[in-house]
Amino acid sequence: AAVEIDQTTRTKLYDEWQKKLNAEGPFTGLFQ
C-alpha cells in the first residue's frame, strides 16, 4: 500500500490492511 500509485489498487490495499487490523490488531476505532 505504501508504494502503490494507482488509486483504485491503493484503496483496495488500504481496505484489506484495515480489515486485517480490525481482526488481528490491538486497535479498535471508536468514533470521530
ModelCIF file with pLDDT and N, C-alpha, C, O atoms, coordinates in Angstrom:
data_MODEL
#
_entry.id   MODEL 
#
_entity.id                         1 
_entity.type                       polymer 
_entity.pdbx_number_of_molecules   1 
#
_entity_poly.entity_id                      1 
_entity_poly.type                           'polypeptide(L)' 
_entity_poly.nstd_linkage                   no 
_entity_poly.nstd_monomer                   no 
_entity_poly.pdbx_seq_one_letter_code       AAVEIDQTTRTKLYDEWQKKLNAEGPFTGLFQ 
_entity_poly.pdbx_seq_one_letter_code_can   AAVEIDQTTRTKLYDEWQKKLNAEGPFTGLFQ 
_entity_poly.pdbx_strand_id                 A 
#
loop_
_entity_poly_seq.entity_id 
_entity_poly_seq.num 
_entity_poly_seq.mon_id 
_entity_poly_seq.hetero 
1 1  ALA n 
1 2  ALA n 
1 3  VAL n 
1 4  GLU n 
1 5  ILE n 
1 6  ASP n 
1 7  GLN n 
1 8  THR n 
1 9  THR n 
1 10 ARG n 
1 11 THR n 
1 12 LYS n 
1 13 LEU n 
1 14 TYR n 
1 15 ASP n 
1 16 GLU n 
1 17 TRP n 
1 18 GLN n 
1 19 LYS n 
1 20 LYS n 
1 21 LEU n 
1 22 ASN n 
1 23 ALA n 
1 24 GLU n 
1 25 GLY n 
1 26 PRO n 
1 27 PHE n 
1 28 THR n 
1 29 GLY n 
1 30 LEU n 
1 31 PHE n 
1 32 GLN n 
#
_struct_asym.id          A 
_struct_asym.entity_id   1 
#
loop_
_ma_qa_metric.id 
_ma_qa_metric.mode 
_ma_qa_metric.name 
_ma_qa_metric.software_group_id 
_ma_qa_metric.type 
1 global pLDDT . pLDDT 
2 local  pLDDT . pLDDT 
#
_ma_qa_metric_global.metric_id      1 
_ma_qa_metric_global.metric_value   94.19 
_ma_qa_metric_global.model_id       1 
_ma_qa_metric_global.ordinal_id     1 
#
loop_
_ma_qa_metric_local.label_asym_id 
_ma_qa_metric_local.label_comp_id 
_ma_qa_metric_local.label_seq_id 
_ma_qa_metric_local.metric_id 
_ma_qa_metric_local.metric_value 
_ma_qa_metric_local.model_id 
_ma_qa_metric_local.ordinal_id 
A ALA 1  2 94.00 1 1  
A ALA 2  2 91.00 1 2  
A VAL 3  2 88.00 1 3  
A GLU 4  2 89.00 1 4  
A ILE 5  2 84.00 1 5  
A ASP 6  2 86.00 1 6  
A GLN 7  2 85.00 1 7  
A THR 8  2 92.00 1 8  
A THR 9  2 94.00 1 9  
A ARG 10 2 93.00 1 10 
A THR 11 2 93.00 1 11 
A LYS 12 2 96.00 1 12 
A LEU 13 2 97.00 1 13 
A TYR 14 2 97.00 1 14 
A ASP 15 2 96.00 1 15 
A GLU 16 2 97.00 1 16 
A TRP 17 2 97.00 1 17 
A GLN 18 2 97.00 1 18 
A LYS 19 2 97.00 1 19 
A LYS 20 2 97.00 1 20 
A LEU 21 2 96.00 1 21 
A ASN 22 2 96.00 1 22 
A ALA 23 2 94.00 1 23 
A GLU 24 2 93.00 1 24 
A GLY 25 2 95.00 1 25 
A PRO 26 2 97.00 1 26 
A PHE 27 2 97.00 1 27 
A THR 28 2 97.00 1 28 
A GLY 29 2 97.00 1 29 
A LEU 30 2 98.00 1 30 
A PHE 31 2 97.00 1 31 
A GLN 32 2 97.00 1 32 
#
loop_
_atom_site.group_PDB 
_atom_site.id 
_atom_site.type_symbol 
_atom_site.label_atom_id 
_atom_site.label_alt_id 
_atom_site.label_comp_id 
_atom_site.label_asym_id 
_atom_site.label_entity_id 
_atom_site.label_seq_id 
_atom_site.pdbx_PDB_ins_code 
_atom_site.Cartn_x 
_atom_site.Cartn_y 
_atom_site.Cartn_z 
_atom_site.occupancy 
_atom_site.B_iso_or_equiv 
_atom_site.pdbx_formal_charge 
_atom_site.auth_seq_id 
_atom_site.auth_comp_id 
_atom_site.auth_asym_id 
_atom_site.auth_atom_id 
_atom_site.pdbx_PDB_model_num 
ATOM 1   N N  . ALA A 1 1  ? 0.825   -1.208 0.000  1.00 94.00 ? 1  ALA A N  1 
ATOM 2   C CA . ALA A 1 1  ? 0.000   0.000  0.000  1.00 94.00 ? 1  ALA A CA 1 
ATOM 3   C C  . ALA A 1 1  ? 0.860   1.260  0.000  1.00 94.00 ? 1  ALA A C  1 
ATOM 4   O O  . ALA A 1 1  ? 0.499   2.261  -0.619 1.00 94.00 ? 1  ALA A O  1 
ATOM 5   N N  . ALA A 1 2  ? 1.993   1.213  0.690  1.00 91.00 ? 2  ALA A N  1 
ATOM 6   C CA . ALA A 1 2  ? 2.848   2.387  0.826  1.00 91.00 ? 2  ALA A CA 1 
ATOM 7   C C  . ALA A 1 2  ? 3.442   2.849  -0.490 1.00 91.00 ? 2  ALA A C  1 
ATOM 8   O O  . ALA A 1 2  ? 3.786   4.023  -0.626 1.00 91.00 ? 2  ALA A O  1 
ATOM 9   N N  . VAL A 1 3  ? 3.572   1.951  -1.471 1.00 88.00 ? 3  VAL A N  1 
ATOM 10  C CA . VAL A 1 3  ? 4.246   2.298  -2.716 1.00 88.00 ? 3  VAL A CA 1 
ATOM 11  C C  . VAL A 1 3  ? 3.313   2.282  -3.935 1.00 88.00 ? 3  VAL A C  1 
ATOM 12  O O  . VAL A 1 3  ? 3.735   2.621  -5.040 1.00 88.00 ? 3  VAL A O  1 
ATOM 13  N N  . GLU A 1 4  ? 2.063   1.894  -3.739 1.00 89.00 ? 4  GLU A N  1 
ATOM 14  C CA . GLU A 1 4  ? 1.128   1.783  -4.862 1.00 89.00 ? 4  GLU A CA 1 
ATOM 15  C C  . GLU A 1 4  ? 0.656   3.172  -5.301 1.00 89.00 ? 4  GLU A C  1 
ATOM 16  O O  . GLU A 1 4  ? 0.219   3.969  -4.471 1.00 89.00 ? 4  GLU A O  1 
ATOM 17  N N  . ILE A 1 5  ? 0.744   3.467  -6.617 1.00 84.00 ? 5  ILE A N  1 
ATOM 18  C CA . ILE A 1 5  ? 0.328   4.784  -7.091 1.00 84.00 ? 5  ILE A CA 1 
ATOM 19  C C  . ILE A 1 5  ? -1.019  4.755  -7.806 1.00 84.00 ? 5  ILE A C  1 
ATOM 20  O O  . ILE A 1 5  ? -1.656  5.800  -7.938 1.00 84.00 ? 5  ILE A O  1 
ATOM 21  N N  . ASP A 1 6  ? -1.466  3.602  -8.266 1.00 86.00 ? 6  ASP A N  1 
ATOM 22  C CA . ASP A 1 6  ? -2.800  3.521  -8.868 1.00 86.00 ? 6  ASP A CA 1 
ATOM 23  C C  . ASP A 1 6  ? -3.835  3.658  -7.757 1.00 86.00 ? 6  ASP A C  1 
ATOM 24  O O  . ASP A 1 6  ? -3.839  2.867  -6.814 1.00 86.00 ? 6  ASP A O  1 
ATOM 25  N N  . GLN A 1 7  ? -4.717  4.659  -7.858 1.00 85.00 ? 7  GLN A N  1 
ATOM 26  C CA . GLN A 1 7  ? -5.607  4.985  -6.750 1.00 85.00 ? 7  GLN A CA 1 
ATOM 27  C C  . GLN A 1 7  ? -6.588  3.862  -6.446 1.00 85.00 ? 7  GLN A C  1 
ATOM 28  O O  . GLN A 1 7  ? -6.890  3.615  -5.278 1.00 85.00 ? 7  GLN A O  1 
ATOM 29  N N  . THR A 1 8  ? -7.088  3.179  -7.461 1.00 92.00 ? 8  THR A N  1 
ATOM 30  C CA . THR A 1 8  ? -8.038  2.097  -7.225 1.00 92.00 ? 8  THR A CA 1 
ATOM 31  C C  . THR A 1 8  ? -7.373  0.940  -6.484 1.00 92.00 ? 8  THR A C  1 
ATOM 32  O O  . THR A 1 8  ? -7.908  0.425  -5.502 1.00 92.00 ? 8  THR A O  1 
ATOM 33  N N  . THR A 1 9  ? -6.206  0.543  -6.968 1.00 94.00 ? 9  THR A N  1 
ATOM 34  C CA . THR A 1 9  ? -5.470  -0.542 -6.309 1.00 94.00 ? 9  THR A CA 1 
ATOM 35  C C  . THR A 1 9  ? -5.046  -0.130 -4.909 1.00 94.00 ? 9  THR A C  1 
ATOM 36  O O  . THR A 1 9  ? -5.096  -0.926 -3.971 1.00 94.00 ? 9  THR A O  1 
ATOM 37  N N  . ARG A 1 10 ? -4.627  1.125  -4.781 1.00 93.00 ? 10 ARG A N  1 
ATOM 38  C CA . ARG A 1 10 ? -4.183  1.648  -3.493 1.00 93.00 ? 10 ARG A CA 1 
ATOM 39  C C  . ARG A 1 10 ? -5.316  1.559  -2.463 1.00 93.00 ? 10 ARG A C  1 
ATOM 40  O O  . ARG A 1 10 ? -5.104  1.114  -1.335 1.00 93.00 ? 10 ARG A O  1 
ATOM 41  N N  . THR A 1 11 ? -6.515  1.985  -2.860 1.00 93.00 ? 11 THR A N  1 
ATOM 42  C CA . THR A 1 11 ? -7.660  1.953  -1.957 1.00 93.00 ? 11 THR A CA 1 
ATOM 43  C C  . THR A 1 11 ? -7.978  0.523  -1.531 1.00 93.00 ? 11 THR A C  1 
ATOM 44  O O  . THR A 1 11 ? -8.278  0.275  -0.363 1.00 93.00 ? 11 THR A O  1 
ATOM 45  N N  . LYS A 1 12 ? -7.914  -0.412 -2.468 1.00 96.00 ? 12 LYS A N  1 
ATOM 46  C CA . LYS A 1 12 ? -8.179  -1.822 -2.146 1.00 96.00 ? 12 LYS A CA 1 
ATOM 47  C C  . LYS A 1 12 ? -7.173  -2.347 -1.124 1.00 96.00 ? 12 LYS A C  1 
ATOM 48  O O  . LYS A 1 12 ? -7.542  -3.090 -0.214 1.00 96.00 ? 12 LYS A O  1 
ATOM 49  N N  . LEU A 1 13 ? -5.916  -1.969 -1.269 1.00 97.00 ? 13 LEU A N  1 
ATOM 50  C CA . LEU A 1 13 ? -4.893  -2.419 -0.334 1.00 97.00 ? 13 LEU A CA 1 
ATOM 51  C C  . LEU A 1 13 ? -5.141  -1.858 1.066  1.00 97.00 ? 13 LEU A C  1 
ATOM 52  O O  . LEU A 1 13 ? -5.012  -2.576 2.057  1.00 97.00 ? 13 LEU A O  1 
ATOM 53  N N  . TYR A 1 14 ? -5.497  -0.572 1.145  1.00 97.00 ? 14 TYR A N  1 
ATOM 54  C CA . TYR A 1 14 ? -5.785  0.002  2.464  1.00 97.00 ? 14 TYR A CA 1 
ATOM 55  C C  . TYR A 1 14 ? -7.033  -0.616 3.073  1.00 97.00 ? 14 TYR A C  1 
ATOM 56  O O  . TYR A 1 14 ? -7.102  -0.790 4.290  1.00 97.00 ? 14 TYR A O  1 
ATOM 57  N N  . ASP A 1 15 ? -8.025  -0.951 2.246  1.00 96.00 ? 15 ASP A N  1 
ATOM 58  C CA . ASP A 1 15 ? -9.200  -1.668 2.745  1.00 96.00 ? 15 ASP A CA 1 
ATOM 59  C C  . ASP A 1 15 ? -8.793  -3.003 3.370  1.00 96.00 ? 15 ASP A C  1 
ATOM 60  O O  . ASP A 1 15 ? -9.199  -3.338 4.483  1.00 96.00 ? 15 ASP A O  1 
ATOM 61  N N  . GLU A 1 16 ? -7.975  -3.756 2.620  1.00 97.00 ? 16 GLU A N  1 
ATOM 62  C CA . GLU A 1 16 ? -7.535  -5.068 3.089  1.00 97.00 ? 16 GLU A CA 1 
ATOM 63  C C  . GLU A 1 16 ? -6.715  -4.938 4.367  1.00 97.00 ? 16 GLU A C  1 
ATOM 64  O O  . GLU A 1 16 ? -6.873  -5.724 5.300  1.00 97.00 ? 16 GLU A O  1 
ATOM 65  N N  . TRP A 1 17 ? -5.840  -3.941 4.400  1.00 97.00 ? 17 TRP A N  1 
ATOM 66  C CA . TRP A 1 17 ? -4.975  -3.723 5.569  1.00 97.00 ? 17 TRP A CA 1 
ATOM 67  C C  . TRP A 1 17 ? -5.812  -3.434 6.809  1.00 97.00 ? 17 TRP A C  1 
ATOM 68  O O  . TRP A 1 17 ? -5.536  -3.970 7.883  1.00 97.00 ? 17 TRP A O  1 
ATOM 69  N N  . GLN A 1 18 ? -6.827  -2.595 6.671  1.00 97.00 ? 18 GLN A N  1 
ATOM 70  C CA . GLN A 1 18 ? -7.645  -2.238 7.832  1.00 97.00 ? 18 GLN A CA 1 
ATOM 71  C C  . GLN A 1 18 ? -8.515  -3.397 8.302  1.00 97.00 ? 18 GLN A C  1 
ATOM 72  O O  . GLN A 1 18 ? -8.726  -3.572 9.502  1.00 97.00 ? 18 GLN A O  1 
ATOM 73  N N  . LYS A 1 19 ? -9.014  -4.181 7.369  1.00 97.00 ? 19 LYS A N  1 
ATOM 74  C CA . LYS A 1 19 ? -9.814  -5.342 7.768  1.00 97.00 ? 19 LYS A CA 1 
ATOM 75  C C  . LYS A 1 19 ? -8.972  -6.318 8.593  1.00 97.00 ? 19 LYS A C  1 
ATOM 76  O O  . LYS A 1 19 ? -9.440  -6.871 9.588  1.00 97.00 ? 19 LYS A O  1 
ATOM 77  N N  . LYS A 1 20 ? -7.729  -6.519 8.166  1.00 97.00 ? 20 LYS A N  1 
ATOM 78  C CA . LYS A 1 20 ? -6.818  -7.371 8.934  1.00 97.00 ? 20 LYS A CA 1 
ATOM 79  C C  . LYS A 1 20 ? -6.502  -6.729 10.290 1.00 97.00 ? 20 LYS A C  1 
ATOM 80  O O  . LYS A 1 20 ? -6.415  -7.419 11.306 1.00 97.00 ? 20 LYS A O  1 
ATOM 81  N N  . LEU A 1 21 ? -6.333  -5.411 10.293 1.00 96.00 ? 21 LEU A N  1 
ATOM 82  C CA . LEU A 1 21 ? -6.065  -4.682 11.532 1.00 96.00 ? 21 LEU A CA 1 
ATOM 83  C C  . LEU A 1 21 ? -7.220  -4.868 12.514 1.00 96.00 ? 21 LEU A C  1 
ATOM 84  O O  . LEU A 1 21 ? -7.003  -5.088 13.706 1.00 96.00 ? 21 LEU A O  1 
ATOM 85  N N  . ASN A 1 22 ? -8.444  -4.777 12.007 1.00 96.00 ? 22 ASN A N  1 
ATOM 86  C CA . ASN A 1 22 ? -9.620  -4.975 12.856 1.00 96.00 ? 22 ASN A CA 1 
ATOM 87  C C  . ASN A 1 22 ? -9.644  -6.365 13.468 1.00 96.00 ? 22 ASN A C  1 
ATOM 88  O O  . ASN A 1 22 ? -10.018 -6.535 14.629 1.00 96.00 ? 22 ASN A O  1 
ATOM 89  N N  . ALA A 1 23 ? -9.244  -7.361 12.683 1.00 94.00 ? 23 ALA A N  1 
ATOM 90  C CA . ALA A 1 23 ? -9.346  -8.752 13.124 1.00 94.00 ? 23 ALA A CA 1 
ATOM 91  C C  . ALA A 1 23 ? -8.202  -9.182 14.031 1.00 94.00 ? 23 ALA A C  1 
ATOM 92  O O  . ALA A 1 23 ? -8.410  -9.986 14.941 1.00 94.00 ? 23 ALA A O  1 
ATOM 93  N N  . GLU A 1 24 ? -6.995  -8.660 13.801 1.00 93.00 ? 24 GLU A N  1 
ATOM 94  C CA . GLU A 1 24 ? -5.810  -9.179 14.479 1.00 93.00 ? 24 GLU A CA 1 
ATOM 95  C C  . GLU A 1 24 ? -5.064  -8.165 15.344 1.00 93.00 ? 24 GLU A C  1 
ATOM 96  O O  . GLU A 1 24 ? -4.301  -8.550 16.230 1.00 93.00 ? 24 GLU A O  1 
ATOM 97  N N  . GLY A 1 25 ? -5.279  -6.887 15.095 1.00 95.00 ? 25 GLY A N  1 
ATOM 98  C CA . GLY A 1 25 ? -4.501  -5.871 15.785 1.00 95.00 ? 25 GLY A CA 1 
ATOM 99  C C  . GLY A 1 25 ? -5.073  -5.504 17.141 1.00 95.00 ? 25 GLY A C  1 
ATOM 100 O O  . GLY A 1 25 ? -6.192  -5.898 17.469 1.00 95.00 ? 25 GLY A O  1 
ATOM 101 N N  . PRO A 1 26 ? -4.317  -4.752 17.934 1.00 97.00 ? 26 PRO A N  1 
ATOM 102 C CA . PRO A 1 26 ? -4.786  -4.341 19.257 1.00 97.00 ? 26 PRO A CA 1 
ATOM 103 C C  . PRO A 1 26 ? -5.700  -3.116 19.234 1.00 97.00 ? 26 PRO A C  1 
ATOM 104 O O  . PRO A 1 26 ? -6.250  -2.740 20.268 1.00 97.00 ? 26 PRO A O  1 
ATOM 105 N N  . PHE A 1 27 ? -5.869  -2.483 18.052 1.00 97.00 ? 27 PHE A N  1 
ATOM 106 C CA . PHE A 1 27 ? -6.599  -1.226 17.956 1.00 97.00 ? 27 PHE A CA 1 
ATOM 107 C C  . PHE A 1 27 ? -8.043  -1.427 17.509 1.00 97.00 ? 27 PHE A C  1 
ATOM 108 O O  . PHE A 1 27 ? -8.346  -2.323 16.720 1.00 97.00 ? 27 PHE A O  1 
ATOM 109 N N  . THR A 1 28 ? -8.922  -0.582 18.025 1.00 97.00 ? 28 THR A N  1 
ATOM 110 C CA . THR A 1 28 ? -10.303 -0.529 17.547 1.00 97.00 ? 28 THR A CA 1 
ATOM 111 C C  . THR A 1 28 ? -10.762 0.925  17.519 1.00 97.00 ? 28 THR A C  1 
ATOM 112 O O  . THR A 1 28 ? -10.729 1.613  18.539 1.00 97.00 ? 28 THR A O  1 
ATOM 113 N N  . GLY A 1 29 ? -11.192 1.390  16.340 1.00 97.00 ? 29 GLY A N  1 
ATOM 114 C CA . GLY A 1 29 ? -11.709 2.743  16.229 1.00 97.00 ? 29 GLY A CA 1 
ATOM 115 C C  . GLY A 1 29 ? -13.055 2.858  16.932 1.00 97.00 ? 29 GLY A C  1 
ATOM 116 O O  . GLY A 1 29 ? -13.921 1.999  16.766 1.00 97.00 ? 29 GLY A O  1 
ATOM 117 N N  . LEU A 1 30 ? -13.231 3.920  17.718 1.00 98.00 ? 30 LEU A N  1 
ATOM 118 C CA . LEU A 1 30 ? -14.476 4.140  18.460 1.00 98.00 ? 30 LEU A CA 1 
ATOM 119 C C  . LEU A 1 30 ? -15.359 5.196  17.801 1.00 98.00 ? 30 LEU A C  1 
ATOM 120 O O  . LEU A 1 30 ? -16.525 4.934  17.503 1.00 98.00 ? 30 LEU A O  1 
ATOM 121 N N  . PHE A 1 31 ? -14.810 6.386  17.573 1.00 97.00 ? 31 PHE A N  1 
ATOM 122 C CA . PHE A 1 31 ? -15.608 7.436  16.938 1.00 97.00 ? 31 PHE A CA 1 
ATOM 123 C C  . PHE A 1 31 ? -14.714 8.590  16.493 1.00 97.00 ? 31 PHE A C  1 
ATOM 124 O O  . PHE A 1 31 ? -13.590 8.750  16.970 1.00 97.00 ? 31 PHE A O  1 
ATOM 125 N N  . GLN A 1 32 ? -15.238 9.380  15.576 1.00 97.00 ? 32 GLN A N  1 
ATOM 126 C CA . GLN A 1 32 ? -14.662 10.676 15.234 1.00 97.00 ? 32 GLN A CA 1 
ATOM 127 C C  . GLN A 1 32 ? -15.558 11.729 15.868 1.00 97.00 ? 32 GLN A C  1 
ATOM 128 O O  . GLN A 1 32 ? -15.297 12.924 15.733 1.00 97.00 ? 32 GLN A O  1 
#
